[in-house]
Amino acid sequence: MKRIGVMVVAAAATAVLVGSPASAAHKRMARATVSCKQIKDAIAAGKSEEDVQKDLNVTATRVKSCTAPAPAHRGKRRAAKKT
């Protein structure tokens, strides 16, 4: 009888350990992403960066990456022609 009890406890513990990472991964995957357009629209509507972070549940880094100006495109420099 003691073996059966130990087996039940072991089976329950295994089920908890196996199920926990799967449910945690599912929660991460189910999280909706906020597009940069939504962030830019909220800023354009007059909200502060802090309000956008709270309302859209995004980080300060995400807001800054969406609102920062794009870096200037630098083309390859052409070598001067020898004459």
Protein backbone atom coordinates (compact mmCIF):
# COMPACT_ATOMS: atom_id res chain seq x y z
CA MET A 1 0.00 0.00 0.00
CA LYS A 2 2.90 2.32 0.76
CA ARG A 3 4.32 1.76 -2.73
CA ILE A 4 1.06 2.80 -4.34
CA GLY A 5 1.02 6.01 -2.31
CA VAL A 6 4.60 6.80 -3.30
CA MET A 7 3.80 6.08 -6.96
CA VAL A 8 0.77 8.39 -6.86
CA VAL A 9 2.82 11.20 -5.31
CA ALA A 10 5.61 10.66 -7.84
CA ALA A 11 3.14 10.67 -10.73
CA ALA A 12 1.53 13.88 -9.44
CA ALA A 13 4.91 15.56 -9.02
CA THR A 14 5.93 14.53 -12.53
CA ALA A 15 2.68 15.88 -13.97
CA VAL A 16 3.21 19.22 -12.22
CA LEU A 17 6.80 19.53 -13.41
CA VAL A 18 5.95 18.57 -16.98
CA GLY A 19 2.87 20.79 -17.14
CA SER A 20 4.44 23.93 -15.65
CA PRO A 21 6.92 24.78 -18.41
CA ALA A 22 4.35 24.07 -21.09
CA SER A 23 1.79 26.39 -19.55
CA ALA A 24 4.42 29.09 -18.95
CA ALA A 25 5.51 28.90 -22.58
CA HIS A 26 1.90 29.10 -23.69
CA LYS A 27 1.35 32.25 -21.66
CA ARG A 28 4.41 33.86 -23.22
CA MET A 29 3.30 32.91 -26.71
CA ALA A 30 -0.26 34.12 -26.14
CA ARG A 31 0.92 37.64 -25.29
CA ALA A 32 -0.21 40.05 -27.95
CA THR A 33 2.40 42.31 -29.44
CA VAL A 34 1.92 46.03 -29.83
CA SER A 35 2.91 47.46 -33.18
CA CYS A 36 5.03 50.58 -33.55
CA LYS A 37 2.11 52.16 -35.37
CA GLN A 38 -0.07 51.81 -32.28
CA ILE A 39 2.66 53.37 -30.14
CA LYS A 40 3.22 56.23 -32.58
CA ASP A 41 -0.54 56.86 -32.84
CA ALA A 42 -0.84 57.06 -29.06
CA ILE A 43 2.07 59.52 -28.84
CA ALA A 44 0.56 61.57 -31.69
CA ALA A 45 -2.71 61.69 -29.76
CA GLY A 46 -0.90 63.57 -27.00
CA LYS A 47 -0.08 60.80 -24.53
CA SER A 48 3.25 60.87 -22.76
CA GLU A 49 5.71 58.00 -23.10
CA GLU A 50 4.90 56.86 -19.57
CA ASP A 51 1.16 56.81 -20.33
CA VAL A 52 1.77 54.77 -23.47
CA GLN A 53 3.86 52.29 -21.48
CA LYS A 54 1.10 51.82 -18.92
CA ASP A 55 -1.84 51.81 -21.34
CA LEU A 56 -0.33 49.46 -23.92
CA ASN A 57 1.67 47.41 -21.39
CA VAL A 58 5.02 47.88 -23.15
CA THR A 59 8.50 48.69 -21.89
CA ALA A 60 10.28 52.03 -22.12
CA THR A 61 12.77 50.42 -24.48
CA ARG A 62 9.97 49.40 -26.86
CA VAL A 63 8.51 52.92 -26.86
CA LYS A 64 11.91 54.50 -27.49
CA SER A 65 12.77 52.08 -30.27
CA CYS A 66 9.52 52.90 -32.05
CA THR A 67 9.71 56.67 -31.59
CA ALA A 68 13.45 57.21 -32.22
CA PRO A 69 14.30 58.58 -35.65
CA ALA A 70 15.71 56.07 -38.08
CA PRO A 71 19.48 56.25 -38.49
CA ALA A 72 20.70 57.94 -41.65
CA HIS A 73 21.40 55.54 -44.47
CA ARG A 74 25.01 55.59 -45.51
CA GLY A 75 25.89 54.28 -48.91
CA LYS A 76 29.22 52.90 -49.91
CA ARG A 77 31.80 55.54 -50.60
CA ARG A 78 33.12 55.40 -54.09
CA ALA A 79 36.84 55.53 -54.61
CA ALA A 80 38.11 58.43 -56.64
CA LYS A 81 38.97 57.53 -60.22
CA LYS A 82 42.61 57.64 -61.15
CA THR A 83 43.33 59.48 -64.36
